[in-house]
Every structure is written in C-alpha cells, then in structure tokens.
Amino acid sequence: MTESTAAASRRVAVAAPHPAALDAAAEAVAAGGDAIDAALAAAAALTVVYPHQCSIGGDLVALVRRPGHAVTAVVSAGAAPSGIDVAALAQQERMPRQGAQTVTVPGVVAGWRAIDALGGRLGLRPALRRAAGLAADGAPVSAGLARAIAVREHEIRADAGMTDVFGDGAGGLLGVGDRLVQSALAATLTELAADPGAMYRGRIAASMTARLRELGGVHTEADFAAHEAELAEPEQADVGGVRWWVAPPPTQGVVLLGILPEALADDADSADRTAELVDAVHRAALVRQAELGDPRGGPIDVAAMTDPRDTGRTGALPRAGRALGDTVAVTAADTDGTVVTLIQSVYQLFGSGILDPGTGVVLHNRGSAFSTDPAHPGHVGPGLRPPHTLLPVIAETDGLVVGLGCQGGSAQPWILAQVARDLVDGDSDPVAVLGRPRFVVGARDLGHEEMTLVAEPGTDDATAAATALGLPVARTDGPVDEAGHVQTVRLHADGHLDAASDPRADGRAVVLHAN
C-alpha cells in the first residue's frame, strides 16, 4: 500500500496481520491519534482476534523512533515467579513445553503503557474499550486462527477455560467464519480501560495467580505487582550503509545484527550471497543457543552473537518445542517522523495451554525457553526473564526509515535478513518483497530433531547451500507460516509512506489520513 505526498494532512501507515487490527488503527487515527496510538489500537485488537498468537497474558518488545529523540526500546518481558523451584527443574533435561511452570509474568499491558507514555495522544482507554467491545460482540474466526485450533485440538480440550472459549458448544471446536465470543476477556479489558495497572494487582492478578497455583504453579500476586516494562537503549549497528536498531538481550535482536553483513553483501551475486547467508544463519543459530539469556542473571556475550563467525561451535539443539504461530508484529509510521515496531506474543500456539476462566486471558509459555542448566546464560531462576525471540527492527538511511517485525519464533532473524536488503531500497515494492519465497533454519522449534533448513518453493539457492553444508533440507509445498508473517512500514524523506503485510497472514497494510 502506498500514498503520495499530494495531500497536506498528516498521514499514518500501519501494517498488521489481521483486518480487525487495521480497523482499530483507522479509528484511532480518525480520532486524532498518531502512529503510537494506531499501533496500540491494532495491538489491543489483535489480543482479541488472534489469541493463538498474542494475548494480554503474553509479552511485548517494541522500538519507538520519535523526531528529536533517540530510538527507544521497550522490553516488557516478564520474569519467573519468586518461588520457582530451580533445583527441581535442574533435574530435568529441559523445561516443560506447556503448563503452569512455563508461565512468566505477562508483560503486554505494562508494555502498552510504556509505549503510550512515549508520545501517544489518546491514551489507552479508547483502544482497550474498542477491544473489549470486539471481545463481547465476537469476531469471525480467521483462517490463521482456525489452523491453530486444529493443530492444538488436544491442548484446547485439555483445559476447561480453553474449551469453553474455543469450543462450539456442541462438542466440536470453532472453525473458519464461526463467531469467537470472549465475555470474560471483555470484562477484563473493560477494567483495564479504566485502569491499565489493574493487570498487575487486584481482581485480575488474583484470578490468574490462583488459577496457576491450582495447576501447579507458584505464582503470587506480589510477582505480578513487581513487573515493570523496561525502557532500554537499543543495540545499534551500521551495516551496508544503513543504521540498524534492535532491542537488547534477553531478546535476540543482536543475532540479526550478526548476520546482516552476509544478507546485505554487495560483492557477490545472488546465489553466492544466499550461500553465505545460509552458512551465517547456521553458525548464528548455534551461537544464540549457547549465549542468549537475561543480563539480570549474569554476563551475556553480546559480542559473540553480533559476530558469530569462526566460533567453531557444533552446539546442542534448541530445547524449545515447535513454535508455529507464536507472535504478531504491528508496524506504524507517521509523517511527523514517528515509527513504531511492536511485537507481542504468547510464544507457542495458545501459549501455556491455559486460559484463566475468571479473566478470559490466555497465558503464554515463554518460560519454556529457559535452560534448566544453571551454567547456561539463559538459566531459569526467580525474577529472571527467559531468552526471547521477539525482534522489532528499525532501519534508517539518509532517505528512508523502515519499521520491520515478524512472527516466526526463533527463525525471526533469518526471516528478516532475507527481506532487509530490498526493504531498505526505497525504490523497491514492499508488497513484492514480502511475497517472495523464503527459507528458515531450526530444529525442534520447527518440528525437527536436528538442525534443518525448511525451504519454500523457489529457494533453490538456499537448499543447494544447505546441502553443501550437510544441513538436512525439508521442502514445503507452498508458502508456510513457519517462514514468518512480516509487517513493514516505510517513511521516505519526502514524506511519502508505503507499507506491506505478509501474504502468509490474514492482514493488510493501509495509509490513513489523520485529522
């Protein structure tokens, strides 16, 4: 979607993976909101219509660029409860994939508050009220949500809260076009519209912690009350004549910085550049697995992740389970110079598999990414945050600012690296760029027992490079969710805006005229 500069009014571009998110953003902009308000309205709507990928029971990481200010990272990743039994978990090979032990304190709402404080014009109340109405009235089940319900049927039927919301009332589960009504979530969002801080104290926190303790967790209301979003300085690098910003650890932005030199190389033809990128991705995946963790728990070797070359690693496989459909990205740009890229997540499909009936909230399983090895940088511990996959990106040249983010779990760096080169070319068509075939590399996070390259049709150079490296190759029949749902907006120096939403998702991109 593009927009000319002919109109004198301020404009806002938004990309998101579901039409309801764009409708919410349009309403915010019509009410006088800016890019921050548009992104937050879209994000709130997505927690209602895309509960398999995001929820107010999940986490959030974002980057915000404002004119006259440095880029700011908002890291609202929740911590493990203070009473977590580290010694017992150390006896296990890996963290459980789902269940109460995988739930860390949800960071989304605190993250929204922090983003709003950076320059939102409307406050959170309109966005949350609109989301509450969407939950109460119901929304049609999208194709993406229907696929997720089918994939996670067993987990949905195993949890009473999940079955009540995603069941059809006649023993089956909701399908495409069925109406998803979430009455308890509507009540919770209405409370949060009056006071977003109520997520972390009072009835809402008490209900979630009580449900988690019923299911074997050790969460307390004090754990929830202790959570605050972190405003952090992003990691930054100049690569290929472009300035890049990513969020710092415990999230994996530095891993993208480590492979950008290969992704942006000008001194190689397309096949050679792809071969170099596949090799770099393989090495970076091993380094990330060994080095990523929470700086609160001890030193993190950022340098190793930003330069994964010559490591000689043959490291262990990632320990997380399959991560299909874990995340949503929202990007927004304003002709006033503001650019937002916001990512929120329940980690894996439907997160922990727990929906608290008292609040209607799907709780994430981000804690499943912890290592049970006390010596690992990503080790589990009271008050620590697990290694994170969420990877918002802002890139800037003298003539262009790009906001970029995607769904894709651990594969997010590889996904973004494949589109970055062309998206920072202001003459490219972002819709065409996102529609091109991609590859990803992973192991258990992609459903494989060993590091494997998963290739969409049309990625022959990547499959040849993987074969040369001895990496197994799994070919798909067409575009797949595992290759990511990328969302991008671009602000050109002349005020021109364009944007694109990945065709693998249910969304679209719009350019809105502001009042």
Protein backbone atom coordinates (compact mmCIF):
# COMPACT_ATOMS: atom_id res chain seq x y z
CA MET A 1 0.00 0.00 0.00
CA THR A 2 1.40 3.41 -0.96
CA GLU A 3 0.37 7.01 -0.60
CA SER A 4 1.50 10.08 -2.48
CA THR A 5 2.58 13.28 -0.80
CA ALA A 6 -0.04 15.40 -2.52
CA ALA A 7 -2.31 15.71 0.49
CA ALA A 8 -1.27 18.31 3.03
CA SER A 9 -2.69 16.42 6.00
CA ARG A 10 -0.61 14.25 8.26
CA ARG A 11 -0.71 10.56 7.36
CA VAL A 12 -0.09 7.30 9.23
CA ALA A 13 0.85 3.96 7.64
CA VAL A 14 0.06 0.74 9.50
CA ALA A 15 0.71 -2.94 8.76
CA ALA A 16 -0.74 -5.76 10.83
CA PRO A 17 -1.67 -9.44 10.36
CA HIS A 18 -5.48 -9.13 10.76
CA PRO A 19 -8.09 -6.73 9.29
CA ALA A 20 -9.57 -6.02 12.72
CA ALA A 21 -6.25 -4.54 13.78
CA LEU A 22 -6.29 -2.16 10.82
CA ASP A 23 -9.88 -1.16 11.58
CA ALA A 24 -8.85 -0.31 15.15
CA ALA A 25 -5.85 1.68 13.92
CA ALA A 26 -8.05 3.62 11.48
CA GLU A 27 -10.44 4.54 14.27
CA ALA A 28 -7.54 5.76 16.41
CA VAL A 29 -6.14 7.92 13.62
CA ALA A 30 -9.60 9.32 12.81
CA ALA A 31 -9.88 10.35 16.45
CA GLY A 32 -6.65 12.37 16.18
CA GLY A 33 -4.19 9.67 17.13
CA ASP A 34 -0.64 9.32 15.87
CA ALA A 35 1.45 6.30 14.89
CA ILE A 36 1.81 5.30 18.53
CA ASP A 37 -1.96 5.35 19.05
CA ALA A 38 -2.52 3.44 15.81
CA ALA A 39 -0.03 0.74 16.79
CA LEU A 40 -1.52 0.36 20.27
CA ALA A 41 -5.09 0.18 18.95
CA ALA A 42 -4.05 -2.51 16.49
CA ALA A 43 -2.15 -4.39 19.19
CA ALA A 44 -5.14 -4.37 21.56
CA ALA A 45 -7.47 -5.68 18.84
CA LEU A 46 -5.05 -8.48 17.99
CA THR A 47 -5.17 -9.83 21.55
CA VAL A 48 -8.88 -10.47 20.91
CA VAL A 49 -8.90 -11.82 17.34
CA TYR A 50 -5.53 -13.62 17.31
CA PRO A 51 -5.43 -15.31 20.76
CA HIS A 52 -3.36 -18.21 19.40
CA GLN A 53 -0.52 -15.79 18.73
CA CYS A 54 -0.86 -12.97 21.26
CA SER A 55 -2.74 -12.11 24.43
CA ILE A 56 -2.63 -9.71 27.34
CA GLY A 57 -1.28 -12.83 29.05
CA GLY A 58 1.89 -12.65 26.94
CA ASP A 59 4.97 -10.45 26.49
CA LEU A 60 5.89 -7.41 24.38
CA VAL A 61 9.05 -5.90 22.91
CA ALA A 62 8.99 -2.73 20.81
CA LEU A 63 11.09 0.03 19.28
CA VAL A 64 9.86 3.61 19.05
CA ARG A 65 11.51 6.34 16.96
CA ARG A 66 10.36 9.88 17.62
CA PRO A 67 11.57 13.04 15.92
CA GLY A 68 14.22 14.72 18.02
CA HIS A 69 14.78 11.66 20.21
CA ALA A 70 16.95 8.58 20.11
CA VAL A 71 15.28 5.28 19.26
CA THR A 72 13.87 3.72 22.45
CA ALA A 73 13.47 0.02 23.18
CA VAL A 74 10.53 -1.09 25.31
CA VAL A 75 11.24 -4.51 26.78
CA SER A 76 8.25 -5.81 28.72
CA ALA A 77 9.29 -9.41 29.18
CA GLY A 78 8.01 -10.98 32.38
CA ALA A 79 10.08 -12.87 34.92
CA ALA A 80 9.79 -16.26 36.53
CA PRO A 81 7.95 -16.26 39.88
CA SER A 82 9.98 -15.77 43.05
CA GLY A 83 9.06 -19.21 44.34
CA ILE A 84 10.12 -21.23 41.28
CA ASP A 85 11.88 -24.48 42.24
CA VAL A 86 15.17 -24.21 40.39
CA ALA A 87 16.65 -27.32 41.99
CA ALA A 88 13.76 -29.49 40.82
CA LEU A 89 13.89 -28.10 37.30
CA ALA A 90 17.65 -28.70 37.16
CA GLN A 91 16.91 -32.41 37.36
CA GLN A 92 15.02 -32.20 34.05
CA GLU A 93 16.64 -32.26 30.63
CA ARG A 94 14.57 -29.26 29.55
CA MET A 95 11.71 -27.07 30.69
CA PRO A 96 8.16 -28.36 30.16
CA ARG A 97 6.65 -27.25 26.85
CA GLN A 98 3.37 -26.05 28.35
CA GLY A 99 1.64 -25.81 31.71
CA ALA A 100 1.85 -23.54 34.74
CA GLN A 101 5.62 -23.89 35.17
CA THR A 102 6.14 -22.23 31.78
CA VAL A 103 4.18 -19.07 32.64
CA THR A 104 6.20 -15.96 33.42
CA VAL A 105 4.55 -12.71 34.48
CA PRO A 106 2.76 -11.28 31.39
CA GLY A 107 4.28 -8.05 30.10
CA VAL A 108 1.95 -6.87 27.34
CA VAL A 109 -0.17 -4.38 29.26
CA ALA A 110 2.81 -2.80 31.02
CA GLY A 111 4.47 -2.56 27.62
CA TRP A 112 1.45 -0.77 26.15
CA ARG A 113 1.56 1.74 29.00
CA ALA A 114 5.26 2.40 28.42
CA ILE A 115 4.77 2.91 24.67
CA ASP A 116 1.81 5.22 25.22
CA ALA A 117 3.93 7.35 27.57
CA LEU A 118 6.44 7.93 24.75
CA GLY A 119 4.02 10.15 22.84
CA GLY A 120 0.55 8.69 22.40
CA ARG A 121 -2.16 11.32 22.03
CA LEU A 122 -5.25 9.37 23.03
CA GLY A 123 -4.19 7.24 26.00
CA LEU A 124 -5.00 3.54 26.23
CA ARG A 125 -8.65 3.85 27.17
CA PRO A 126 -10.12 4.09 23.63
CA ALA A 127 -8.06 1.15 22.36
CA LEU A 128 -8.98 -1.05 25.31
CA ARG A 129 -12.66 -0.13 25.17
CA ARG A 130 -12.76 -0.97 21.48
CA ALA A 131 -11.01 -4.29 22.13
CA ALA A 132 -13.49 -5.04 24.91
CA GLY A 133 -16.38 -4.46 22.51
CA LEU A 134 -14.78 -6.74 19.94
CA ALA A 135 -14.45 -9.49 22.55
CA ALA A 136 -18.04 -9.06 23.77
CA ASP A 137 -19.66 -8.88 20.34
CA GLY A 138 -17.49 -11.61 18.87
CA ALA A 139 -15.34 -11.75 15.76
CA PRO A 140 -15.28 -14.31 12.96
CA VAL A 141 -12.56 -16.94 13.27
CA SER A 142 -9.86 -16.23 10.70
CA ALA A 143 -8.11 -18.84 8.60
CA GLY A 144 -4.98 -18.50 10.73
CA LEU A 145 -6.84 -18.98 14.00
CA ALA A 146 -8.74 -21.95 12.57
CA ARG A 147 -5.46 -23.62 11.57
CA ALA A 148 -4.13 -23.09 15.07
CA ILE A 149 -7.24 -24.53 16.72
CA ALA A 150 -6.92 -27.64 14.57
CA VAL A 151 -3.21 -28.02 15.35
CA ARG A 152 -3.73 -27.57 19.09
CA GLU A 153 -7.00 -29.50 19.45
CA HIS A 154 -5.62 -31.80 22.15
CA GLU A 155 -4.34 -28.91 24.30
CA ILE A 156 -7.58 -26.95 23.89
CA ARG A 157 -9.68 -29.91 25.01
CA ALA A 158 -7.36 -30.49 27.99
CA ASP A 159 -8.10 -27.08 29.56
CA ALA A 160 -11.61 -26.13 30.68
CA GLY A 161 -11.09 -22.42 30.02
CA MET A 162 -9.79 -23.07 26.51
CA THR A 163 -12.59 -25.49 25.68
CA ASP A 164 -15.23 -23.04 26.87
CA VAL A 165 -13.93 -20.26 24.61
CA PHE A 166 -12.78 -22.18 21.54
CA GLY A 167 -15.40 -24.93 21.59
CA ASP A 168 -18.55 -24.65 19.50
CA GLY A 169 -20.89 -25.67 22.32
CA ALA A 170 -21.78 -28.96 20.64
CA GLY A 171 -18.66 -30.97 21.31
CA GLY A 172 -16.64 -29.58 18.42
CA LEU A 173 -14.24 -26.68 18.04
CA LEU A 174 -14.63 -23.38 16.23
CA GLY A 175 -13.77 -23.21 12.52
CA VAL A 176 -13.29 -20.54 9.88
CA GLY A 177 -16.06 -17.96 9.99
CA ASP A 178 -17.53 -19.09 13.32
CA ARG A 179 -18.03 -16.27 15.81
CA LEU A 180 -15.49 -16.12 18.64
CA VAL A 181 -17.12 -14.51 21.69
CA GLN A 182 -14.96 -13.87 24.79
CA SER A 183 -17.18 -12.47 27.52
CA ALA A 184 -14.73 -12.82 30.41
CA LEU A 185 -11.96 -11.19 28.39
CA ALA A 186 -14.33 -8.35 27.50
CA ALA A 187 -14.91 -7.69 31.22
CA THR A 188 -11.16 -7.75 31.88
CA LEU A 189 -10.41 -5.33 29.04
CA THR A 190 -13.15 -3.02 30.32
CA GLU A 191 -11.48 -2.95 33.74
CA LEU A 192 -8.12 -2.27 32.13
CA ALA A 193 -9.58 0.61 30.12
CA ALA A 194 -10.39 2.29 33.42
CA ASP A 195 -7.01 1.40 34.94
CA PRO A 196 -4.35 -0.49 32.96
CA GLY A 197 -2.42 -1.03 36.18
CA ALA A 198 -5.19 -3.40 37.28
CA MET A 199 -3.47 -6.10 35.21
CA TYR A 200 -0.89 -6.43 37.98
CA ARG A 201 -2.94 -6.06 41.13
CA GLY A 202 -6.44 -6.67 42.45
CA ARG A 203 -9.02 -8.98 40.88
CA ILE A 204 -7.26 -9.67 37.59
CA ALA A 205 -3.89 -10.61 39.07
CA ALA A 206 -5.57 -12.58 41.86
CA SER A 207 -7.60 -14.63 39.40
CA MET A 208 -4.64 -15.51 37.18
CA THR A 209 -2.31 -16.40 40.04
CA ALA A 210 -4.96 -18.51 41.73
CA ARG A 211 -5.57 -20.46 38.52
CA LEU A 212 -1.85 -21.02 38.03
CA ARG A 213 -1.45 -22.31 41.59
CA GLU A 214 -4.36 -24.71 41.02
CA LEU A 215 -2.38 -26.13 38.12
CA GLY A 216 0.92 -26.49 39.98
CA GLY A 217 2.42 -23.03 39.62
CA VAL A 218 3.92 -20.96 42.43
CA HIS A 219 2.86 -17.53 41.16
CA THR A 220 1.78 -14.87 43.64
CA GLU A 221 0.11 -11.51 43.34
CA ALA A 222 3.40 -9.98 44.53
CA ASP A 223 5.15 -11.47 41.47
CA PHE A 224 2.66 -9.69 39.22
CA ALA A 225 2.86 -6.43 41.16
CA ALA A 226 6.66 -6.39 40.78
CA HIS A 227 6.57 -6.27 36.98
CA GLU A 228 7.56 -3.10 35.14
CA ALA A 229 8.37 -2.52 31.50
CA GLU A 230 12.00 -1.65 30.85
CA LEU A 231 12.91 1.36 28.74
CA ALA A 232 16.30 0.42 27.32
CA GLU A 233 18.91 1.68 24.90
CA PRO A 234 18.72 -0.43 21.75
CA GLU A 235 21.64 -2.30 20.27
CA GLN A 236 22.75 -0.44 17.17
CA ALA A 237 24.98 -1.15 14.17
CA ASP A 238 25.89 0.45 10.84
CA VAL A 239 25.80 -2.25 8.17
CA GLY A 240 25.63 -1.83 4.40
CA GLY A 241 25.37 1.94 4.68
CA VAL A 242 22.26 1.58 6.86
CA ARG A 243 21.77 2.30 10.57
CA TRP A 244 20.02 -0.58 12.35
CA TRP A 245 18.40 -0.68 15.78
CA VAL A 246 17.21 -3.79 17.65
CA ALA A 247 16.17 -4.44 21.24
CA PRO A 248 18.85 -5.69 23.66
CA PRO A 249 19.01 -9.07 25.44
CA PRO A 250 17.20 -11.05 26.75
CA THR A 251 15.74 -10.82 23.25
CA GLN A 252 17.60 -11.93 20.13
CA GLY A 253 17.98 -8.72 18.15
CA VAL A 254 21.77 -8.89 18.28
CA VAL A 255 21.58 -12.18 16.36
CA LEU A 256 20.12 -10.32 13.37
CA LEU A 257 22.95 -7.78 13.56
CA GLY A 258 25.39 -10.68 13.38
CA ILE A 259 24.11 -11.94 10.02
CA LEU A 260 23.29 -8.65 8.30
CA PRO A 261 26.74 -8.37 6.68
CA GLU A 262 26.03 -11.52 4.65
CA ALA A 263 22.43 -10.51 3.96
CA LEU A 264 23.46 -7.08 2.65
CA ALA A 265 26.69 -8.01 0.87
CA ASP A 266 27.20 -6.14 -2.41
CA ASP A 267 30.27 -8.03 -3.59
CA ALA A 268 28.56 -11.30 -4.50
CA ASP A 269 25.92 -12.48 -6.93
CA SER A 270 22.57 -13.67 -5.65
CA ALA A 271 23.49 -17.37 -5.36
CA ASP A 272 26.78 -16.64 -3.57
CA ARG A 273 25.12 -14.19 -1.21
CA THR A 274 22.44 -16.76 -0.35
CA ALA A 275 25.08 -19.41 0.29
CA GLU A 276 26.96 -17.06 2.60
CA LEU A 277 23.74 -16.17 4.39
CA VAL A 278 22.76 -19.82 4.94
CA ASP A 279 26.20 -20.51 6.39
CA ALA A 280 25.97 -17.44 8.63
CA VAL A 281 22.47 -18.42 9.79
CA HIS A 282 23.65 -21.90 10.74
CA ARG A 283 26.53 -20.51 12.81
CA ALA A 284 24.40 -17.79 14.37
CA ALA A 285 21.74 -20.31 15.44
CA LEU A 286 24.35 -22.28 17.38
CA VAL A 287 25.84 -19.18 18.99
CA ARG A 288 22.43 -17.89 20.04
CA GLN A 289 21.54 -21.20 21.64
CA ALA A 290 24.73 -21.09 23.68
CA GLU A 291 24.84 -17.40 24.61
CA LEU A 292 21.41 -15.74 24.79
CA GLY A 293 19.98 -15.07 28.23
CA ASP A 294 18.95 -12.40 30.71
CA PRO A 295 21.64 -9.88 31.74
CA ARG A 296 20.00 -9.87 35.18
CA GLY A 297 21.25 -13.42 35.68
CA GLY A 298 24.88 -12.87 34.70
CA PRO A 299 27.12 -11.69 31.84
CA ILE A 300 25.81 -12.14 28.29
CA ASP A 301 28.32 -12.45 25.44
CA VAL A 302 26.75 -9.94 23.06
CA ALA A 303 29.94 -9.76 21.00
CA ALA A 304 29.71 -13.46 20.16
CA MET A 305 26.17 -13.04 18.84
CA THR A 306 26.92 -9.89 16.85
CA ASP A 307 29.90 -11.64 15.24
CA PRO A 308 29.18 -15.39 15.15
CA ARG A 309 31.96 -16.13 12.64
CA ASP A 310 34.80 -18.53 13.41
CA THR A 311 33.18 -19.83 16.56
CA GLY A 312 33.81 -23.49 15.81
CA ARG A 313 30.58 -24.36 17.60
CA THR A 314 28.70 -27.58 17.00
CA GLY A 315 26.32 -26.83 19.87
CA ALA A 316 23.25 -28.52 21.25
CA LEU A 317 19.85 -28.36 19.61
CA PRO A 318 17.39 -25.71 20.72
CA ARG A 319 15.28 -27.12 23.54
CA ALA A 320 12.01 -25.36 22.87
CA GLY A 321 9.11 -27.14 21.24
CA ARG A 322 7.56 -26.32 17.89
CA ALA A 323 6.84 -22.60 17.79
CA LEU A 324 4.39 -22.20 14.89
CA GLY A 325 2.24 -19.07 15.04
CA ASP A 326 3.75 -17.63 18.17
CA THR A 327 3.71 -13.88 17.63
CA VAL A 328 2.22 -10.82 15.97
CA ALA A 329 4.01 -7.74 14.70
CA VAL A 330 2.47 -4.31 14.19
CA THR A 331 4.35 -1.54 12.42
CA ALA A 332 3.30 2.09 12.10
CA ALA A 333 4.86 5.23 10.66
CA ASP A 334 3.72 8.85 10.84
CA THR A 335 4.68 11.68 8.52
CA ASP A 336 5.75 13.58 11.65
CA GLY A 337 8.74 11.17 11.81
CA THR A 338 7.44 8.68 14.37
CA VAL A 339 7.99 5.00 13.59
CA VAL A 340 6.83 2.14 15.82
CA THR A 341 7.50 -1.56 15.53
CA LEU A 342 5.73 -3.57 18.20
CA ILE A 343 5.79 -7.32 18.72
CA GLN A 344 3.67 -9.23 21.22
CA SER A 345 3.45 -12.93 21.77
CA VAL A 346 2.15 -15.94 23.69
CA TYR A 347 5.32 -17.76 22.50
CA GLN A 348 3.95 -21.02 21.07
CA LEU A 349 0.44 -21.60 19.74
CA PHE A 350 -2.01 -20.77 22.56
CA GLY A 351 0.95 -20.38 24.90
CA SER A 352 0.85 -22.48 28.03
CA GLY A 353 -2.46 -24.07 27.02
CA ILE A 354 -4.08 -22.32 30.00
CA LEU A 355 -6.98 -19.87 29.72
CA ASP A 356 -7.96 -18.42 33.08
CA PRO A 357 -11.80 -18.60 33.19
CA GLY A 358 -12.01 -15.71 35.64
CA THR A 359 -10.35 -13.23 33.29
CA GLY A 360 -10.58 -14.88 29.86
CA VAL A 361 -6.83 -14.48 29.46
CA VAL A 362 -4.69 -16.97 27.53
CA LEU A 363 -1.40 -17.27 29.40
CA HIS A 364 1.85 -17.59 27.49
CA ASN A 365 4.54 -20.27 27.87
CA ARG A 366 7.58 -18.06 27.46
CA GLY A 367 9.21 -19.79 30.42
CA SER A 368 9.60 -22.95 28.33
CA ALA A 369 12.56 -21.18 26.67
CA PHE A 370 14.59 -21.18 29.90
CA SER A 371 17.53 -23.55 30.18
CA THR A 372 17.48 -25.95 33.14
CA ASP A 373 21.30 -25.89 33.15
CA PRO A 374 22.40 -23.49 35.96
CA ALA A 375 25.56 -22.64 33.99
CA HIS A 376 23.70 -21.53 30.85
CA PRO A 377 23.22 -17.76 30.29
CA GLY A 378 19.50 -18.45 29.82
CA HIS A 379 19.12 -20.39 33.06
CA VAL A 380 15.85 -20.39 34.95
CA GLY A 381 15.70 -18.52 38.23
CA PRO A 382 13.47 -16.33 40.42
CA GLY A 383 12.98 -12.91 38.85
CA LEU A 384 14.83 -13.86 35.65
CA ARG A 385 13.50 -13.47 32.12
CA PRO A 386 13.87 -16.30 29.60
CA PRO A 387 15.71 -15.95 26.28
CA HIS A 388 13.34 -14.14 23.96
CA THR A 389 12.63 -14.41 20.25
CA LEU A 390 10.80 -11.08 19.75
CA LEU A 391 12.75 -8.95 17.27
CA PRO A 392 11.46 -5.48 16.34
CA VAL A 393 13.74 -3.60 13.94
CA ILE A 394 14.13 -0.01 12.81
CA ALA A 395 16.49 0.80 9.92
CA GLU A 396 17.41 4.22 8.60
CA THR A 397 19.24 5.63 5.58
CA ASP A 398 19.54 9.27 4.59
CA GLY A 399 16.35 8.92 2.55
CA LEU A 400 14.28 6.27 4.33
CA VAL A 401 13.16 4.95 7.71
CA VAL A 402 11.88 1.37 7.86
CA GLY A 403 9.91 -0.29 10.65
CA LEU A 404 10.07 -4.06 10.48
CA GLY A 405 8.88 -7.04 12.51
CA CYS A 406 7.56 -10.55 12.08
CA GLN A 407 6.08 -13.70 13.50
CA GLY A 408 8.42 -16.67 13.30
CA GLY A 409 9.77 -17.71 16.70
CA SER A 410 13.48 -18.45 16.77
CA ALA A 411 13.63 -18.00 12.99
CA GLN A 412 12.85 -14.27 13.12
CA PRO A 413 16.47 -13.18 12.42
CA TRP A 414 16.68 -15.38 9.34
CA ILE A 415 13.29 -14.24 8.07
CA LEU A 416 14.08 -10.55 8.46
CA ALA A 417 17.55 -10.94 6.96
CA GLN A 418 16.00 -12.20 3.72
CA VAL A 419 13.80 -9.13 3.25
CA ALA A 420 16.05 -6.47 4.77
CA ARG A 421 18.25 -5.85 1.72
CA ASP A 422 15.38 -4.93 -0.56
CA LEU A 423 13.23 -3.13 2.00
CA VAL A 424 15.97 -0.56 2.66
CA ASP A 425 16.00 0.16 -1.08
CA GLY A 426 13.47 2.95 -1.29
CA ASP A 427 12.63 2.11 -4.90
CA SER A 428 11.54 -1.46 -4.16
CA ASP A 429 7.94 -2.63 -3.90
CA PRO A 430 7.49 -3.84 -0.29
CA VAL A 431 4.47 -5.95 -1.21
CA ALA A 432 6.52 -7.87 -3.76
CA VAL A 433 9.43 -8.25 -1.34
CA LEU A 434 7.27 -9.87 1.35
CA GLY A 435 5.66 -12.20 -1.18
CA ARG A 436 8.91 -13.82 -2.25
CA PRO A 437 9.74 -17.38 -1.13
CA ARG A 438 11.89 -17.75 1.99
CA PHE A 439 13.78 -20.35 3.98
CA VAL A 440 14.23 -20.81 7.72
CA VAL A 441 16.68 -22.84 9.77
CA GLY A 442 15.91 -24.52 13.08
CA ALA A 443 15.45 -27.78 14.92
CA ARG A 444 12.77 -28.59 17.48
CA ASP A 445 11.34 -25.11 17.07
CA LEU A 446 10.45 -26.16 13.51
CA GLY A 447 9.45 -29.72 14.36
CA HIS A 448 12.78 -31.41 13.54
CA GLU A 449 15.17 -33.34 15.75
CA GLU A 450 18.28 -31.85 14.13
CA MET A 451 19.17 -28.50 12.64
CA THR A 452 17.26 -28.37 9.34
CA LEU A 453 16.66 -25.88 6.55
CA VAL A 454 12.94 -25.58 5.79
CA ALA A 455 12.51 -24.27 2.25
CA GLU A 456 9.52 -22.82 0.44
CA PRO A 457 9.35 -23.48 -3.32
CA GLY A 458 11.65 -21.14 -5.21
CA THR A 459 14.55 -21.18 -2.74
CA ASP A 460 16.85 -23.46 -4.74
CA ASP A 461 19.98 -21.44 -3.93
CA ALA A 462 19.33 -21.87 -0.22
CA THR A 463 18.66 -25.61 -0.48
CA ALA A 464 21.85 -26.07 -2.50
CA ALA A 465 23.83 -24.15 0.12
CA ALA A 466 22.32 -26.20 2.94
CA THR A 467 23.15 -29.44 1.16
CA ALA A 468 26.74 -28.28 0.71
CA LEU A 469 26.94 -27.59 4.46
CA GLY A 470 25.48 -31.01 5.31
CA LEU A 471 22.26 -29.48 6.65
CA PRO A 472 19.12 -31.56 6.09
CA VAL A 473 16.51 -29.88 3.89
CA ALA A 474 12.73 -30.07 4.31
CA ARG A 475 10.84 -28.71 1.30
CA THR A 476 7.32 -27.34 1.62
CA ASP A 477 4.54 -27.43 -0.97
CA GLY A 478 3.98 -23.69 -0.83
CA PRO A 479 4.22 -20.66 1.47
CA VAL A 480 4.07 -21.67 5.14
CA ASP A 481 3.56 -19.90 8.46
CA GLU A 482 6.99 -21.05 9.62
CA ALA A 483 8.56 -18.68 7.07
CA GLY A 484 7.12 -15.77 9.03
CA HIS A 485 4.46 -13.08 8.87
CA VAL A 486 6.43 -9.92 8.14
CA GLN A 487 4.92 -6.46 8.63
CA THR A 488 6.69 -3.33 7.38
CA VAL A 489 6.17 0.41 7.04
CA ARG A 490 8.47 2.89 5.31
CA LEU A 491 8.76 6.65 5.69
CA HIS A 492 10.60 8.34 2.84
CA ALA A 493 12.48 11.61 3.26
CA ASP A 494 9.93 13.44 1.08
CA GLY A 495 7.06 12.36 3.36
CA HIS A 496 5.90 9.53 1.13
CA LEU A 497 4.65 6.46 3.03
CA ASP A 498 4.34 2.86 1.96
CA ALA A 499 3.69 -0.38 3.82
CA ALA A 500 3.09 -4.09 3.34
CA SER A 501 1.66 -7.04 5.24
CA ASP A 502 2.88 -10.58 4.64
CA PRO A 503 0.57 -12.63 2.38
CA ARG A 504 1.16 -15.66 4.66
CA ALA A 505 -1.02 -13.99 7.33
CA ASP A 506 -4.60 -12.68 7.40
CA GLY A 507 -3.66 -8.99 7.38
CA ARG A 508 -3.05 -5.99 5.18
CA ALA A 509 -1.46 -2.54 5.23
CA VAL A 510 -3.08 0.88 4.99
CA VAL A 511 -2.11 4.53 4.76
CA LEU A 512 -4.53 6.66 6.76
CA HIS A 513 -5.20 10.40 6.63
CA ALA A 514 -5.12 11.90 10.11
CA ASN A 515 -7.36 14.63 11.46
